[in-house]
C-alpha atoms as a PDB file:
ATOM      1  CA  MET A   1     -63.625  84.915  14.312  1.00  0.00           C
ATOM      2  CA  HIS A   2     -62.066  84.254  10.919  1.00  0.00           C
ATOM      3  CA  ILE A   3     -60.741  87.099   8.755  1.00  0.00           C
ATOM      4  CA  GLY A   4     -58.871  87.536   5.505  1.00  0.00           C
ATOM      5  CA  LEU A   5     -55.602  89.470   5.300  1.00  0.00           C
ATOM      6  CA  VAL A   6     -54.305  90.755   1.967  1.00  0.00           C
ATOM      7  CA  GLY A   7     -50.630  91.719   1.982  1.00  0.00           C
ATOM      8  CA  LEU A   8     -48.063  89.691   3.892  1.00  0.00           C
ATOM      9  CA  GLY A   9     -45.025  91.922   3.836  1.00  0.00           C
ATOM     10  CA  ARG A  10     -43.152  92.408   7.093  1.00  0.00           C
ATOM     11  CA  MET A  11     -45.932  94.346   8.814  1.00  0.00           C
ATOM     12  CA  GLY A  12     -48.766  92.243   7.400  1.00  0.00           C
ATOM     13  CA  ASN A  13     -47.037  89.047   8.450  1.00  0.00           C
ATOM     14  CA  ASN A  14     -46.444  90.441  11.940  1.00  0.00           C
ATOM     15  CA  MET A  15     -50.120  91.337  12.181  1.00  0.00           C
ATOM     16  CA  ARG A  16     -51.104  87.839  11.091  1.00  0.00           C
ATOM     17  CA  THR A  17     -48.916  86.412  13.859  1.00  0.00           C
ATOM     18  CA  ARG A  18     -50.432  88.695  16.506  1.00  0.00           C
ATOM     19  CA  LEU A  19     -54.000  87.972  15.393  1.00  0.00           C
ATOM     20  CA  ARG A  20     -53.460  84.233  15.464  1.00  0.00           C
ATOM     21  CA  ALA A  21     -51.883  84.469  18.909  1.00  0.00           C
ATOM     22  CA  ALA A  22     -55.097  86.164  20.081  1.00  0.00           C
ATOM     23  CA  GLY A  23     -57.195  83.260  18.794  1.00  0.00           C
ATOM     24  CA  ILE A  24     -58.409  84.881  15.570  1.00  0.00           C
ATOM     25  CA  GLU A  25     -58.244  82.619  12.549  1.00  0.00           C
ATOM     26  CA  VAL A  26     -56.468  84.329   9.655  1.00  0.00           C
ATOM     27  CA  THR A  27     -56.268  83.341   6.019  1.00  0.00           C
ATOM     28  CA  GLY A  28     -53.684  85.469   4.254  1.00  0.00           C
ATOM     29  CA  TYR A  29     -53.075  86.177   0.592  1.00  0.00           C
ATOM     30  CA  ASP A  30     -49.923  87.601  -0.953  1.00  0.00           C
ATOM     31  CA  PRO A  31     -48.503  87.335  -4.489  1.00  0.00           C
ATOM     32  CA  ASN A  32     -45.374  85.871  -2.907  1.00  0.00           C
ATOM     33  CA  PRO A  33     -45.985  82.088  -2.910  1.00  0.00           C
ATOM     34  CA  GLU A  34     -43.571  81.625  -0.003  1.00  0.00           C
ATOM     35  CA  VAL A  35     -45.816  83.439   2.477  1.00  0.00           C
ATOM     36  CA  THR A  36     -49.382  83.151   1.147  1.00  0.00           C
ATOM     37  CA  ASP A  37     -52.008  80.790   2.545  1.00  0.00           C
ATOM     38  CA  VAL A  38     -54.082  80.682  -0.643  1.00  0.00           C
ATOM     39  CA  ALA A  39     -53.458  80.935  -4.355  1.00  0.00           C
ATOM     40  CA  ASP A  40     -55.547  84.029  -5.136  1.00  0.00           C
ATOM     41  CA  LEU A  41     -58.241  86.395  -3.868  1.00  0.00           C
ATOM     42  CA  GLU A  42     -61.024  84.114  -5.047  1.00  0.00           C
ATOM     43  CA  ALA A  43     -59.582  81.319  -2.907  1.00  0.00           C
ATOM     44  CA  LEU A  44     -59.287  83.777  -0.023  1.00  0.00           C
ATOM     45  CA  ALA A  45     -62.978  84.607  -0.246  1.00  0.00           C
ATOM     46  CA  ALA A  46     -63.887  80.918  -0.444  1.00  0.00           C
ATOM     47  CA  ALA A  47     -61.897  80.173   2.713  1.00  0.00           C
ATOM     48  CA  ILE A  48     -63.665  82.713   4.931  1.00  0.00           C
ATOM     49  CA  PRO A  49     -67.233  82.259   6.222  1.00  0.00           C
ATOM     50  CA  ALA A  50     -69.698  85.013   5.290  1.00  0.00           C
ATOM     51  CA  PRO A  51     -70.231  87.757   6.210  1.00  0.00           C
ATOM     52  CA  ARG A  52     -66.512  88.267   5.732  1.00  0.00           C
ATOM     53  CA  VAL A  53     -64.021  90.732   7.137  1.00  0.00           C
ATOM     54  CA  VAL A  54     -60.969  91.319   4.927  1.00  0.00           C
ATOM     55  CA  TRP A  55     -58.077  93.507   6.052  1.00  0.00           C
ATOM     56  CA  VAL A  56     -55.959  95.036   3.267  1.00  0.00           C
ATOM     57  CA  MET A  57     -52.327  95.785   4.148  1.00  0.00           C
ATOM     58  CA  VAL A  58     -50.605  96.769   0.905  1.00  0.00           C
ATOM     59  CA  PRO A  59     -48.727  99.885  -0.329  1.00  0.00           C
ATOM     60  CA  SER A  60     -50.903 102.960  -0.821  1.00  0.00           C
ATOM     61  CA  GLY A  61     -51.920 104.231  -4.227  1.00  0.00           C
ATOM     62  CA  PRO A  62     -52.682 102.167  -7.332  1.00  0.00           C
ATOM     63  CA  ILE A  63     -51.858  98.879  -5.583  1.00  0.00           C
ATOM     64  CA  THR A  64     -54.485  99.486  -2.887  1.00  0.00           C
ATOM     65  CA  THR A  65     -57.072 100.585  -5.453  1.00  0.00           C
ATOM     66  CA  GLY A  66     -56.340  97.502  -7.547  1.00  0.00           C
ATOM     67  CA  VAL A  67     -56.750  95.139  -4.595  1.00  0.00           C
ATOM     68  CA  ILE A  68     -60.016  96.756  -3.518  1.00  0.00           C
ATOM     69  CA  THR A  69     -61.317  96.615  -7.092  1.00  0.00           C
ATOM     70  CA  ASP A  70     -60.438  92.924  -7.281  1.00  0.00           C
ATOM     71  CA  LEU A  71     -62.057  92.234  -3.911  1.00  0.00           C
ATOM     72  CA  ALA A  72     -65.275  93.841  -5.136  1.00  0.00           C
ATOM     73  CA  GLY A  73     -65.417  91.073  -7.718  1.00  0.00           C
ATOM     74  CA  VAL A  74     -64.982  88.152  -5.318  1.00  0.00           C
ATOM     75  CA  LEU A  75     -66.674  89.258  -2.090  1.00  0.00           C
ATOM     76  CA  SER A  76     -70.395  89.269  -1.301  1.00  0.00           C
ATOM     77  CA  GLU A  77     -73.014  91.694  -0.023  1.00  0.00           C
ATOM     78  CA  ASP A  78     -72.536  92.657   3.658  1.00  0.00           C
ATOM     79  CA  ASP A  79     -68.852  91.735   3.661  1.00  0.00           C
ATOM     80  CA  LEU A  80     -66.492  94.329   5.181  1.00  0.00           C
ATOM     81  CA  VAL A  81     -63.168  95.544   3.760  1.00  0.00           C
ATOM     82  CA  ILE A  82     -60.726  97.455   5.994  1.00  0.00           C
ATOM     83  CA  ASP A  83     -57.823  99.355   4.450  1.00  0.00           C
ATOM     84  CA  GLY A  84     -55.054  99.350   7.058  1.00  0.00           C
ATOM     85  CA  GLY A  85     -52.341 100.765   4.799  1.00  0.00           C
ATOM     86  CA  ASN A  86     -51.161 104.364   4.577  1.00  0.00           C
ATOM     87  CA  SER A  87     -53.661 105.489   1.972  1.00  0.00           C
ATOM     88  CA  LYS A  88     -54.380 109.185   1.580  1.00  0.00           C
ATOM     89  CA  PHE A  89     -57.702 109.943   3.305  1.00  0.00           C
ATOM     90  CA  THR A  90     -59.180 111.362   0.110  1.00  0.00           C
ATOM     91  CA  GLU A  91     -58.989 107.883  -1.454  1.00  0.00           C
ATOM     92  CA  ASP A  92     -61.233 106.341   1.199  1.00  0.00           C
ATOM     93  CA  ALA A  93     -64.474 107.839  -0.106  1.00  0.00           C
ATOM     94  CA  LYS A  94     -63.647 106.497  -3.585  1.00  0.00           C
ATOM     95  CA  HIS A  95     -62.927 103.013  -2.256  1.00  0.00           C
ATOM     96  CA  ALA A  96     -66.061 103.043  -0.119  1.00  0.00           C
ATOM     97  CA  ALA A  97     -68.203 104.060  -3.106  1.00  0.00           C
ATOM     98  CA  LEU A  98     -66.643 101.382  -5.311  1.00  0.00           C
ATOM     99  CA  LEU A  99     -67.453  98.650  -2.792  1.00  0.00           C
ATOM    100  CA  ALA A 100     -70.890 100.065  -1.995  1.00  0.00           C
ATOM    101  CA  GLU A 101     -71.941  99.357  -5.570  1.00  0.00           C
ATOM    102  CA  HIS A 102     -71.652  95.682  -4.611  1.00  0.00           C
ATOM    103  CA  GLY A 103     -73.237  96.070  -1.177  1.00  0.00           C
ATOM    104  CA  ILE A 104     -69.840  95.664   0.508  1.00  0.00           C
ATOM    105  CA  HIS A 105     -68.974  97.764   3.561  1.00  0.00           C
ATOM    106  CA  TYR A 106     -65.729  99.721   3.980  1.00  0.00           C
ATOM    107  CA  ALA A 107     -63.659 101.115   6.839  1.00  0.00           C
ATOM    108  CA  ASP A 108     -60.201 102.612   7.030  1.00  0.00           C
ATOM    109  CA  CYS A 109     -57.624 102.234   9.779  1.00  0.00           C
ATOM    110  CA  GLY A 110     -54.397 104.101  10.376  1.00  0.00           C
ATOM    111  CA  VAL A 111     -51.849 101.757  11.943  1.00  0.00           C
ATOM    112  CA  SER A 112     -48.776 102.811  13.922  1.00  0.00           C
ATOM    113  CA  GLY A 113     -46.193 100.676  15.642  1.00  0.00           C
ATOM    114  CA  GLY A 114     -43.856  99.626  12.864  1.00  0.00           C
ATOM    115  CA  ILE A 115     -41.840  96.461  13.277  1.00  0.00           C
ATOM    116  CA  TRP A 116     -42.394  96.560  17.063  1.00  0.00           C
ATOM    117  CA  GLY A 117     -46.166  96.202  16.752  1.00  0.00           C
ATOM    118  CA  ALA A 118     -46.120  92.408  16.782  1.00  0.00           C
ATOM    119  CA  GLN A 119     -44.545  92.547  20.231  1.00  0.00           C
ATOM    120  CA  ASN A 120     -46.019  95.712  21.752  1.00  0.00           C
ATOM    121  CA  GLY A 121     -49.323  96.078  19.909  1.00  0.00           C
ATOM    122  CA  TYR A 122     -50.325  98.680  17.332  1.00  0.00           C
ATOM    123  CA  GLY A 123     -51.806 102.129  17.707  1.00  0.00           C
ATOM    124  CA  LEU A 124     -55.044 102.082  15.693  1.00  0.00           C
ATOM    125  CA  MET A 125     -57.154 104.942  14.336  1.00  0.00           C
ATOM    126  CA  ALA A 126     -60.336 103.740  12.631  1.00  0.00           C
ATOM    127  CA  GLY A 127     -62.790 105.512  10.346  1.00  0.00           C
ATOM    128  CA  GLY A 128     -66.164 104.219   9.250  1.00  0.00           C
ATOM    129  CA  ASP A 129     -69.740 103.461  10.247  1.00  0.00           C
ATOM    130  CA  LYS A 130     -70.197 102.632  13.931  1.00  0.00           C
ATOM    131  CA  ALA A 131     -71.730  99.231  13.176  1.00  0.00           C
ATOM    132  CA  ASP A 132     -68.815  98.280  10.928  1.00  0.00           C
ATOM    133  CA  ILE A 133     -66.265  99.305  13.549  1.00  0.00           C
ATOM    134  CA  GLU A 134     -68.068  97.345  16.271  1.00  0.00           C
ATOM    135  CA  ARG A 135     -68.182  94.315  13.998  1.00  0.00           C
ATOM    136  CA  ALA A 136     -64.401  94.450  13.606  1.00  0.00           C
ATOM    137  CA  MET A 137     -63.629  95.178  17.282  1.00  0.00           C
ATOM    138  CA  PRO A 138     -62.276  91.677  17.991  1.00  0.00           C
ATOM    139  CA  VAL A 139     -59.645  92.374  15.330  1.00  0.00           C
ATOM    140  CA  PHE A 140     -58.844  95.841  16.676  1.00  0.00           C
ATOM    141  CA  ASP A 141     -58.660  94.498  20.239  1.00  0.00           C
ATOM    142  CA  ALA A 142     -56.236  91.775  19.169  1.00  0.00           C
ATOM    143  CA  LEU A 143     -53.940  94.232  17.394  1.00  0.00           C
ATOM    144  CA  ARG A 144     -53.857  97.123  19.862  1.00  0.00           C
ATOM    145  CA  PRO A 145     -51.746  97.110  23.039  1.00  0.00           C
ATOM    146  CA  GLU A 146     -53.157  95.328  26.062  1.00  0.00           C
ATOM    147  CA  GLY A 147     -55.022  97.509  28.544  1.00  0.00           C
ATOM    148  CA  PRO A 148     -58.098  99.772  28.440  1.00  0.00           C
ATOM    149  CA  ARG A 149     -59.575 100.055  24.957  1.00  0.00           C
ATOM    150  CA  ALA A 150     -59.053 103.818  24.962  1.00  0.00           C
ATOM    151  CA  GLU A 151     -55.306 103.177  25.007  1.00  0.00           C
ATOM    152  CA  GLY A 152     -54.146 102.394  21.506  1.00  0.00           C
ATOM    153  CA  PHE A 153     -57.488 102.512  19.691  1.00  0.00           C
ATOM    154  CA  VAL A 154     -59.898 105.213  18.598  1.00  0.00           C
ATOM    155  CA  HIS A 155     -62.935 105.262  16.326  1.00  0.00           C
ATOM    156  CA  ALA A 156     -61.931 108.667  14.981  1.00  0.00           C
ATOM    157  CA  GLY A 157     -64.995 109.345  12.846  1.00  0.00           C
ATOM    158  CA  ALA A 158     -66.537 108.611   9.480  1.00  0.00           C
ATOM    159  CA  VAL A 159     -64.830 106.905   6.522  1.00  0.00           C
ATOM    160  CA  GLY A 160     -61.486 108.627   5.951  1.00  0.00           C
ATOM    161  CA  ALA A 161     -61.051 109.729   9.571  1.00  0.00           C
ATOM    162  CA  GLY A 162     -58.663 106.919  10.421  1.00  0.00           C
ATOM    163  CA  HIS A 163     -56.265 107.727   7.631  1.00  0.00           C
ATOM    164  CA  TYR A 164     -56.578 111.461   8.315  1.00  0.00           C
ATOM    165  CA  ALA A 165     -55.633 110.905  11.971  1.00  0.00           C
ATOM    166  CA  LYS A 166     -52.690 108.716  10.914  1.00  0.00           C
ATOM    167  CA  MET A 167     -51.563 111.401   8.468  1.00  0.00           C
ATOM    168  CA  VAL A 168     -51.424 114.006  11.231  1.00  0.00           C
ATOM    169  CA  HIS A 169     -49.744 111.471  13.529  1.00  0.00           C
ATOM    170  CA  ASN A 170     -46.990 110.977  10.952  1.00  0.00           C
ATOM    171  CA  GLY A 171     -46.567 114.709  10.471  1.00  0.00           C
ATOM    172  CA  ILE A 172     -45.973 115.061  14.218  1.00  0.00           C
ATOM    173  CA  GLU A 173     -43.618 112.085  14.081  1.00  0.00           C
ATOM    174  CA  TYR A 174     -41.545 113.834  11.406  1.00  0.00           C
ATOM    175  CA  ALA A 175     -41.170 116.895  13.630  1.00  0.00           C
ATOM    176  CA  LEU A 176     -40.262 114.892  16.744  1.00  0.00           C
ATOM    177  CA  MET A 177     -37.581 112.935  14.908  1.00  0.00           C
ATOM    178  CA  GLN A 178     -36.137 116.129  13.485  1.00  0.00           C
ATOM    179  CA  ALA A 179     -35.910 117.686  16.956  1.00  0.00           C
ATOM    180  CA  TRP A 180     -34.055 114.654  18.308  1.00  0.00           C
ATOM    181  CA  ALA A 181     -31.742 114.642  15.307  1.00  0.00           C
ATOM    182  CA  GLU A 182     -30.856 118.317  15.677  1.00  0.00           C
ATOM    183  CA  GLY A 183     -30.218 117.826  19.387  1.00  0.00           C
ATOM    184  CA  TYR A 184     -27.903 114.941  18.561  1.00  0.00           C
ATOM    185  CA  GLU A 185     -25.938 117.035  16.060  1.00  0.00           C
ATOM    186  CA  LEU A 186     -25.524 119.896  18.532  1.00  0.00           C
ATOM    187  CA  LEU A 187     -24.232 117.585  21.281  1.00  0.00           C
ATOM    188  CA  ASP A 188     -21.953 115.756  18.858  1.00  0.00           C
ATOM    189  CA  ALA A 189     -20.484 119.025  17.586  1.00  0.00           C
ATOM    190  CA  LYS A 190     -19.292 120.005  21.089  1.00  0.00           C
ATOM    191  CA  ASP A 191     -16.909 117.067  21.445  1.00  0.00           C
ATOM    192  CA  GLU A 192     -14.330 119.064  23.421  1.00  0.00           C
ATOM    193  CA  LEU A 193     -16.975 119.466  26.167  1.00  0.00           C
ATOM    194  CA  ILE A 194     -19.459 116.602  25.701  1.00  0.00           C
ATOM    195  CA  HIS A 195     -17.574 113.314  25.910  1.00  0.00           C
ATOM    196  CA  ASP A 196     -20.517 110.891  26.073  1.00  0.00           C
ATOM    197  CA  VAL A 197     -23.387 111.777  23.753  1.00  0.00           C
ATOM    198  CA  THR A 198     -25.021 108.382  24.162  1.00  0.00           C
ATOM    199  CA  GLY A 199     -24.818 108.756  27.937  1.00  0.00           C
ATOM    200  CA  VAL A 200     -26.551 112.133  27.787  1.00  0.00           C
ATOM    201  CA  PHE A 201     -29.482 110.639  25.920  1.00  0.00           C
ATOM    202  CA  LYS A 202     -29.574 107.696  28.331  1.00  0.00           C
ATOM    203  CA  ALA A 203     -29.745 110.125  31.250  1.00  0.00           C
ATOM    204  CA  TRP A 204     -32.788 111.726  29.688  1.00  0.00           C
ATOM    205  CA  GLN A 205     -34.729 108.456  29.576  1.00  0.00           C
ATOM    206  CA  ARG A 206     -35.969 108.722  33.158  1.00  0.00           C
ATOM    207  CA  GLY A 207     -37.431 111.702  34.982  1.00  0.00           C
ATOM    208  CA  THR A 208     -37.139 114.270  32.181  1.00  0.00           C
ATOM    209  CA  VAL A 209     -39.961 115.903  30.278  1.00  0.00           C
ATOM    210  CA  VAL A 210     -38.538 114.703  26.946  1.00  0.00           C
ATOM    211  CA  ARG A 211     -38.491 110.985  27.810  1.00  0.00           C
ATOM    212  CA  GLY A 212     -40.332 108.686  25.411  1.00  0.00           C
ATOM    213  CA  TRP A 213     -40.146 105.848  22.921  1.00  0.00           C
ATOM    214  CA  LEU A 214     -38.302 107.780  20.220  1.00  0.00           C
ATOM    215  CA  LEU A 215     -35.620 108.647  22.778  1.00  0.00           C
ATOM    216  CA  GLU A 216     -35.307 104.955  23.665  1.00  0.00           C
ATOM    217  CA  LEU A 217     -34.891 104.100  19.995  1.00  0.00           C
ATOM    218  CA  LEU A 218     -32.299 106.833  19.499  1.00  0.00           C
ATOM    219  CA  VAL A 219     -30.294 105.439  22.423  1.00  0.00           C
ATOM    220  CA  LYS A 220     -30.550 101.961  20.888  1.00  0.00           C
ATOM    221  CA  ALA A 221     -29.326 103.301  17.538  1.00  0.00           C
ATOM    222  CA  LEU A 222     -26.407 105.130  19.181  1.00  0.00           C
ATOM    223  CA  GLU A 223     -25.385 102.036  21.119  1.00  0.00           C
ATOM    224  CA  GLU A 224     -25.244 100.137  17.833  1.00  0.00           C
ATOM    225  CA  ASP A 225     -23.297 102.858  15.984  1.00  0.00           C
ATOM    226  CA  PRO A 226     -22.282 105.846  18.200  1.00  0.00           C
ATOM    227  CA  GLU A 227     -21.174 108.054  15.307  1.00  0.00           C
ATOM    228  CA  PHE A 228     -23.601 106.701  12.687  1.00  0.00           C
ATOM    229  CA  THR A 229     -20.576 105.917  10.584  1.00  0.00           C
ATOM    230  CA  ASP A 230     -22.384 103.156   8.717  1.00  0.00           C
ATOM    231  CA  ILE A 231     -25.414 105.255   7.710  1.00  0.00           C
ATOM    232  CA  GLU A 232     -25.733 107.812   4.950  1.00  0.00           C
ATOM    233  CA  GLY A 233     -27.686 110.927   5.946  1.00  0.00           C
ATOM    234  CA  TYR A 234     -30.317 110.406   3.245  1.00  0.00           C
ATOM    235  CA  VAL A 235     -33.939 110.240   4.430  1.00  0.00           C
ATOM    236  CA  GLU A 236     -36.999 109.354   2.362  1.00  0.00           C
ATOM    237  CA  ASP A 237     -40.537 110.502   3.125  1.00  0.00           C
ATOM    238  CA  SER A 238     -43.471 108.177   2.579  1.00  0.00           C
ATOM    239  CA  GLY A 239     -46.082 110.841   1.806  1.00  0.00           C
ATOM    240  CA  GLU A 240     -48.024 111.435   5.006  1.00  0.00           C
ATOM    241  CA  GLY A 241     -45.877 114.388   6.050  1.00  0.00           C
ATOM    242  CA  ARG A 242     -46.444 116.120   2.726  1.00  0.00           C
ATOM    243  CA  TRP A 243     -50.194 115.448   2.978  1.00  0.00           C
ATOM    244  CA  THR A 244     -50.211 116.953   6.483  1.00  0.00           C
ATOM    245  CA  VAL A 245     -48.647 120.162   5.186  1.00  0.00           C
ATOM    246  CA  GLU A 246     -51.111 120.232   2.264  1.00  0.00           C
ATOM    247  CA  GLU A 247     -54.027 119.963   4.718  1.00  0.00           C
ATOM    248  CA  ALA A 248     -52.521 122.703   6.852  1.00  0.00           C
ATOM    249  CA  LEU A 249     -52.413 124.982   3.811  1.00  0.00           C
ATOM    250  CA  ASN A 250     -55.964 124.036   2.827  1.00  0.00           C
ATOM    251  CA  ASN A 251     -57.261 124.842   6.321  1.00  0.00           C
ATOM    252  CA  ALA A 252     -55.009 127.837   7.092  1.00  0.00           C
ATOM    253  CA  VAL A 253     -53.479 126.043  10.073  1.00  0.00           C
ATOM    254  CA  PRO A 254     -49.867 127.049  10.832  1.00  0.00           C
ATOM    255  CA  VAL A 255     -47.569 124.019  11.128  1.00  0.00           C
ATOM    256  CA  PRO A 256     -44.069 125.554  10.979  1.00  0.00           C
ATOM    257  CA  THR A 257     -42.376 122.722  12.888  1.00  0.00           C
ATOM    258  CA  ILE A 258     -43.874 119.927  10.813  1.00  0.00           C
ATOM    259  CA  SER A 259     -43.272 121.721   7.529  1.00  0.00           C
ATOM    260  CA  ALA A 260     -39.663 122.465   8.496  1.00  0.00           C
ATOM    261  CA  SER A 261     -39.084 118.775   9.217  1.00  0.00           C
ATOM    262  CA  ILE A 262     -40.306 117.885   5.719  1.00  0.00           C
ATOM    263  CA  PHE A 263     -37.957 120.382   4.110  1.00  0.00           C
ATOM    264  CA  ALA A 264     -35.112 119.055   6.253  1.00  0.00           C
ATOM    265  CA  ARG A 265     -35.605 115.671   4.624  1.00  0.00           C
ATOM    266  CA  PHE A 266     -35.255 117.305   1.241  1.00  0.00           C
ATOM    267  CA  VAL A 267     -31.985 118.849   2.452  1.00  0.00           C
ATOM    268  CA  SER A 268     -30.790 115.362   3.373  1.00  0.00           C
ATOM    269  CA  ARG A 269     -30.929 114.367  -0.264  1.00  0.00           C
ATOM    270  CA  GLN A 270     -28.567 117.149  -1.242  1.00  0.00           C
ATOM    271  CA  LYS A 271     -25.975 117.061   1.544  1.00  0.00           C
ATOM    272  CA  ASP A 272     -24.956 114.408   4.065  1.00  0.00           C
ATOM    273  CA  SER A 273     -25.469 115.614   7.658  1.00  0.00           C
ATOM    274  CA  PRO A 274     -25.234 114.136  11.166  1.00  0.00           C
ATOM    275  CA  ALA A 275     -28.831 115.153  11.924  1.00  0.00           C
ATOM    276  CA  MET A 276     -30.146 113.316   8.895  1.00  0.00           C
ATOM    277  CA  LYS A 277     -28.124 110.253   9.861  1.00  0.00           C
ATOM    278  CA  ALA A 278     -29.962 110.313  13.191  1.00  0.00           C
ATOM    279  CA  VAL A 279     -33.346 110.563  11.452  1.00  0.00           C
ATOM    280  CA  ALA A 280     -32.416 107.687   9.131  1.00  0.00           C
ATOM    281  CA  ALA A 281     -31.330 105.614  12.144  1.00  0.00           C
ATOM    282  CA  LEU A 282     -34.596 106.324  13.970  1.00  0.00           C
ATOM    283  CA  ARG A 283     -36.704 105.295  10.975  1.00  0.00           C
ATOM    284  CA  LYS A 284     -34.752 102.031  10.812  1.00  0.00           C
ATOM    285  CA  GLN A 285     -35.274 101.409  14.527  1.00  0.00           C
ATOM    286  CA  PHE A 286     -39.044 101.917  14.736  1.00  0.00           C
ATOM    287  CA  GLY A 287     -40.151 100.938  11.272  1.00  0.00           C
ATOM    288  CA  GLY A 288     -37.468  98.730   9.799  1.00  0.00           C
ATOM    289  CA  HIS A 289     -37.035 101.232   6.977  1.00  0.00           C
ATOM    290  CA  ALA A 290     -33.984 100.685   4.812  1.00  0.00           C
ATOM    291  CA  VAL A 291     -30.982 102.950   5.257  1.00  0.00           C
ATOM    292  CA  ARG A 292     -28.326 103.824   2.733  1.00  0.00           C
ATOM    293  CA  LYS A 293     -24.897 102.622   3.743  1.00  0.00           C
ATOM    294  CA  ALA A 294     -22.196 105.265   3.866  1.00  0.00           C
END
C-alpha cells in the first residue's frame, strides 16, 4: 500500500517512520524543505497510485481547512482523505462536504500516543463510512499497538465520531493529570513526614489500583527533576478540554472533575504552583509539549 502524508512535524514524522517500518510506502509533504519528500501537494498526488489515501496531520483550525481545500483541487474521484489531527468534531462534516463535491471520500481519526507512539503504537479512534475505514485498515493496523485489533483501535461511528471520541479522551486526560498533580503537591508539602516523594510514586507503580502510564511518566519526570525546579507552573490547553466541557453543557452531562481541571490550568497562568509544575512536566513527558523554564 502507498499513502500520502501531509504534515511532517514531530508526530507526523514519527508516524511516517512507523508506517514505513510496517511495509507501507509513504510519500510525505511538508512546507519545510528539510523533511518533505515532494515539492508540493500536486507532486504528492502524482506520486501516489489511484485511488489514493492521504493522511493529514497538521494543526487544527484554518491550517487543516486550507490543506483539505487544496487537496480537493489535486486529488481525484474515489480518493480518501483522513484528518488525523485534533480538529473539532464539528469541522468534520464541513470537510467531508467540501471533498464530496469532488467525489473524494473523507474520514476522521483521533490519535493518541504523543511522542511515544512511534515506539509503542498509537491509540486510534476513527469516524467515517465503514467501507472507507476498511479501505484504510492497513494504515490503522500499522499505527496502532501490536495485538488484537480491538486494543488501540475503534471505528467509533460516522464522520466526526473519531474526533469526538478523542475530545472526550483528552478531557479525561486533563482530569487524570490534575489528580496526579494535586497528589504530588500534597505529598511534597508534608516534607517533615514524607522524605521520598519519588519513592512513594514508584511504590504505587505495581499492585495498586492507581497504577498506569501517567504514573510511570510522573515518576520519570520526578527522577529527572525531583522538585521541578527547572519548570514554571504554567500549563497551556490545546482546546479539546474546553470542547469537552462545551459538549457537557450542551448535553446536560455533569463533568465536575474535567471542568475543574480546565479551570486549574487557567489558575496556572496567574500563579506558579507545584501542582501545575507537575502537569507541565507530564505534558512534556507524554507529548513532548514545551515547558516554560523557571
